[in-house]
N, C-alpha and C. Protein backbone atom coordinates (compact mmCIF):
# COMPACT_ATOMS: atom_id res chain seq x y z
N MET A 1 0.88 -1.20 -0.09
CA MET A 1 0.07 -0.04 -0.06
C MET A 1 0.83 1.24 0.01
N THR A 2 0.29 2.24 -0.41
CA THR A 2 1.12 3.56 -0.68
C THR A 2 0.83 4.36 0.64
N ILE A 3 1.72 5.47 0.73
CA ILE A 3 1.52 6.29 1.82
C ILE A 3 0.15 7.04 1.91
N LEU A 4 -0.57 7.04 0.66
CA LEU A 4 -1.70 7.85 0.59
C LEU A 4 -2.85 7.07 1.33
N HIS A 5 -2.75 5.66 1.42
CA HIS A 5 -3.68 4.93 1.95
C HIS A 5 -3.61 5.08 3.48
N TYR A 6 -2.41 5.20 4.01
CA TYR A 6 -2.24 5.29 5.61
C TYR A 6 -2.59 6.83 5.82
N VAL A 7 -2.43 7.68 5.08
CA VAL A 7 -2.83 9.14 5.41
C VAL A 7 -4.21 9.28 5.43
N VAL A 8 -4.94 8.75 4.44
CA VAL A 8 -6.29 8.80 4.40
C VAL A 8 -7.02 8.09 5.47
N PHE A 9 -6.49 6.85 5.78
CA PHE A 9 -6.99 6.07 6.83
C PHE A 9 -6.92 6.91 8.28
N TRP A 10 -5.80 7.48 8.59
CA TRP A 10 -5.62 8.23 9.75
C TRP A 10 -6.45 9.42 9.84
N LEU A 11 -6.60 10.13 8.66
CA LEU A 11 -7.36 11.30 8.72
C LEU A 11 -8.90 10.95 8.99
N VAL A 12 -9.39 9.87 8.38
CA VAL A 12 -10.74 9.25 8.67
C VAL A 12 -10.85 8.96 10.10
N VAL A 13 -9.90 8.32 10.66
CA VAL A 13 -9.92 8.01 12.15
C VAL A 13 -9.98 9.29 12.97
N ILE A 14 -9.06 10.14 12.80
CA ILE A 14 -9.06 11.32 13.66
C ILE A 14 -10.36 12.20 13.41
N THR A 15 -10.92 12.24 12.11
CA THR A 15 -12.07 13.01 12.02
C THR A 15 -13.21 12.41 12.62
N PHE A 16 -13.34 11.13 12.44
CA PHE A 16 -14.36 10.30 13.29
C PHE A 16 -14.37 10.60 14.87
N ALA A 17 -13.11 10.48 15.34
CA ALA A 17 -12.95 10.64 16.83
C ALA A 17 -13.29 12.06 17.25
N VAL A 18 -12.85 13.07 16.50
CA VAL A 18 -13.19 14.49 16.81
C VAL A 18 -14.81 14.58 16.75
N ALA A 19 -15.25 14.21 15.58
CA ALA A 19 -16.70 14.50 15.54
C ALA A 19 -17.50 13.71 16.50
N SER A 20 -17.18 12.48 16.85
CA SER A 20 -17.87 11.71 17.89
C SER A 20 -17.60 12.39 19.19
N SER A 21 -16.49 12.87 19.43
CA SER A 21 -16.38 13.44 20.81
C SER A 21 -17.14 14.81 20.96
N LEU A 22 -17.21 15.56 19.88
CA LEU A 22 -18.01 16.82 19.89
C LEU A 22 -19.44 16.48 20.02
N LEU A 23 -19.90 15.50 19.30
CA LEU A 23 -21.34 15.14 19.31
C LEU A 23 -21.73 14.54 20.80
N SER A 24 -20.91 13.83 21.31
CA SER A 24 -21.03 13.29 22.68
C SER A 24 -21.08 14.49 23.80
N TYR A 25 -20.09 15.30 23.58
CA TYR A 25 -20.03 16.48 24.42
C TYR A 25 -21.38 17.29 24.34
N SER A 26 -21.81 17.67 23.14
CA SER A 26 -22.93 18.47 23.04
C SER A 26 -24.13 17.80 23.53
N PHE A 27 -24.30 16.54 23.47
CA PHE A 27 -25.44 15.72 23.99
C PHE A 27 -25.43 15.87 25.43
N ILE A 28 -24.34 15.73 26.17
CA ILE A 28 -24.33 15.73 27.53
C ILE A 28 -24.38 17.22 28.12
N HIS A 29 -23.61 18.03 27.40
CA HIS A 29 -23.68 19.50 27.99
C HIS A 29 -25.04 20.15 27.65
N PHE A 30 -25.70 19.93 26.64
CA PHE A 30 -26.92 20.68 26.29
C PHE A 30 -28.06 19.91 26.58
N GLN A 31 -28.03 18.84 27.32
CA GLN A 31 -29.18 17.95 27.53
C GLN A 31 -30.33 18.76 28.51
N GLN A 32 -29.87 19.38 29.56
CA GLN A 32 -30.80 20.00 30.30
C GLN A 32 -31.13 21.52 29.88
N ARG A 33 -30.58 22.04 28.99
CA ARG A 33 -30.85 23.47 28.61
C ARG A 33 -32.14 23.64 27.88
N SER A 34 -32.65 22.57 27.29
CA SER A 34 -33.93 22.72 26.55
C SER A 34 -35.17 22.88 27.47
N THR A 35 -35.01 22.41 28.75
CA THR A 35 -36.12 22.65 29.65
C THR A 35 -35.94 23.96 30.39
N SER A 36 -34.71 24.46 30.67
CA SER A 36 -34.38 25.60 31.37
C SER A 36 -34.58 26.89 30.43
N ASN A 37 -34.52 26.73 29.15
CA ASN A 37 -34.47 27.76 28.22
C ASN A 37 -35.64 27.57 27.12
N PRO A 38 -36.59 28.02 27.19
CA PRO A 38 -37.80 27.78 26.39
C PRO A 38 -37.62 28.32 25.06
N ASP A 39 -36.99 29.43 24.83
CA ASP A 39 -36.72 30.18 23.61
C ASP A 39 -35.19 30.05 23.19
N PRO A 40 -34.74 29.11 22.48
CA PRO A 40 -33.43 28.99 22.15
C PRO A 40 -32.82 30.05 21.13
N GLU A 41 -33.78 30.70 20.49
CA GLU A 41 -33.39 31.66 19.52
C GLU A 41 -32.81 32.82 20.13
N ARG A 42 -33.24 33.28 21.50
CA ARG A 42 -32.70 34.42 22.08
C ARG A 42 -31.31 34.26 22.67
N SER A 43 -30.94 32.96 22.93
CA SER A 43 -29.69 32.75 23.63
C SER A 43 -28.57 32.45 22.55
N PHE A 44 -29.04 32.12 21.31
CA PHE A 44 -28.06 31.82 20.28
C PHE A 44 -27.30 32.98 19.66
N ARG A 45 -26.11 32.80 19.53
CA ARG A 45 -25.30 34.01 18.97
C ARG A 45 -24.46 33.39 17.85
N GLU A 46 -24.45 34.06 16.80
CA GLU A 46 -23.70 33.55 15.73
C GLU A 46 -22.14 33.82 15.90
N SER A 47 -21.29 32.91 15.36
CA SER A 47 -19.82 32.96 15.56
C SER A 47 -19.26 32.93 14.20
N PRO A 48 -18.85 34.06 13.63
CA PRO A 48 -18.23 34.07 12.22
C PRO A 48 -16.96 33.30 12.25
N ILE A 49 -16.19 33.28 13.33
CA ILE A 49 -14.93 32.64 13.39
C ILE A 49 -15.20 31.10 13.37
N LEU A 50 -16.20 30.79 14.06
CA LEU A 50 -16.49 29.20 14.10
C LEU A 50 -17.03 28.83 12.65
N SER A 51 -17.79 29.68 12.01
CA SER A 51 -18.27 29.42 10.74
C SER A 51 -17.12 29.39 9.60
N LEU A 52 -16.21 30.16 9.88
CA LEU A 52 -15.00 30.25 9.00
C LEU A 52 -14.18 28.82 9.17
N ILE A 53 -13.95 28.56 10.36
CA ILE A 53 -13.20 27.33 10.72
C ILE A 53 -13.99 26.03 10.10
N TRP A 54 -15.26 26.03 10.32
CA TRP A 54 -16.15 25.04 9.85
C TRP A 54 -16.12 24.81 8.39
N THR A 55 -15.92 25.97 7.60
CA THR A 55 -15.88 26.03 6.15
C THR A 55 -14.47 25.74 5.66
N LEU A 56 -13.46 26.10 6.21
CA LEU A 56 -12.12 25.95 5.75
C LEU A 56 -11.49 24.62 6.03
N SER A 57 -11.88 24.01 7.21
CA SER A 57 -11.35 22.62 7.59
C SER A 57 -11.64 21.66 6.47
N PRO A 58 -12.76 21.47 5.95
CA PRO A 58 -12.84 20.46 4.90
C PRO A 58 -12.12 20.92 3.59
N VAL A 59 -12.02 22.25 3.41
CA VAL A 59 -11.40 22.63 2.15
C VAL A 59 -9.88 22.28 2.26
N GLY A 60 -9.30 22.50 3.47
CA GLY A 60 -7.84 22.13 3.69
C GLY A 60 -7.55 20.62 3.56
N LEU A 61 -8.68 19.89 4.10
CA LEU A 61 -8.57 18.32 4.15
C LEU A 61 -8.57 17.97 2.50
N LEU A 62 -9.51 18.48 1.76
CA LEU A 62 -9.58 18.21 0.42
C LEU A 62 -8.31 18.53 -0.40
N ILE A 63 -7.74 19.67 0.00
CA ILE A 63 -6.59 20.20 -0.85
C ILE A 63 -5.44 19.12 -0.53
N ALA A 64 -5.30 18.69 0.92
CA ALA A 64 -4.22 17.77 1.24
C ALA A 64 -4.48 16.48 0.49
N LEU A 65 -5.57 16.02 0.36
CA LEU A 65 -5.92 14.73 -0.31
C LEU A 65 -5.68 14.86 -1.74
N LEU A 66 -5.90 16.00 -2.35
CA LEU A 66 -5.63 16.21 -3.79
C LEU A 66 -4.27 16.11 -3.96
N VAL A 67 -3.39 16.77 -3.16
CA VAL A 67 -1.82 16.81 -3.33
C VAL A 67 -1.30 15.40 -3.28
N LEU A 68 -1.87 14.66 -2.19
CA LEU A 68 -1.32 13.25 -2.01
C LEU A 68 -1.76 12.39 -3.09
N THR A 69 -2.99 12.56 -3.66
CA THR A 69 -3.44 11.81 -4.75
C THR A 69 -2.42 12.04 -6.00
N PHE A 70 -2.25 13.34 -6.30
CA PHE A 70 -1.33 13.62 -7.58
C PHE A 70 -0.13 13.10 -7.41
N GLN A 71 0.58 13.17 -6.14
CA GLN A 71 1.84 12.55 -5.93
C GLN A 71 1.82 10.97 -6.19
N THR A 72 0.84 10.39 -5.62
CA THR A 72 0.78 8.92 -5.75
C THR A 72 0.54 8.58 -7.38
N ILE A 73 -0.26 9.33 -7.96
CA ILE A 73 -0.46 9.04 -9.43
C ILE A 73 0.87 9.32 -10.20
N TYR A 74 1.52 10.41 -9.89
CA TYR A 74 2.92 10.60 -10.46
C TYR A 74 3.89 9.52 -10.17
N LEU A 75 3.88 9.03 -8.99
CA LEU A 75 4.83 8.05 -8.66
C LEU A 75 4.61 6.68 -9.38
N THR A 76 3.35 6.41 -9.64
CA THR A 76 2.88 5.08 -10.14
C THR A 76 3.03 5.05 -11.71
N GLN A 77 3.18 6.21 -12.35
CA GLN A 77 3.30 6.12 -13.59
C GLN A 77 4.57 6.16 -14.23
């Protein structure tokens, strides 16, 4: 197997671990908030920094995978 397989595998493992951890944290942390705060729209604040990170993270991941894929294709030809 090439290095690309290992890189993709570990990126998927890390992404899964981070997403699962954040999902579990949000389930536990915000479980009781729905009963104590009847109007969630009033307490919600937009975060442009978080939106930017949320958008640029997948873009960076795709660019890294693109570079690794082109390197692998170049080496195999």
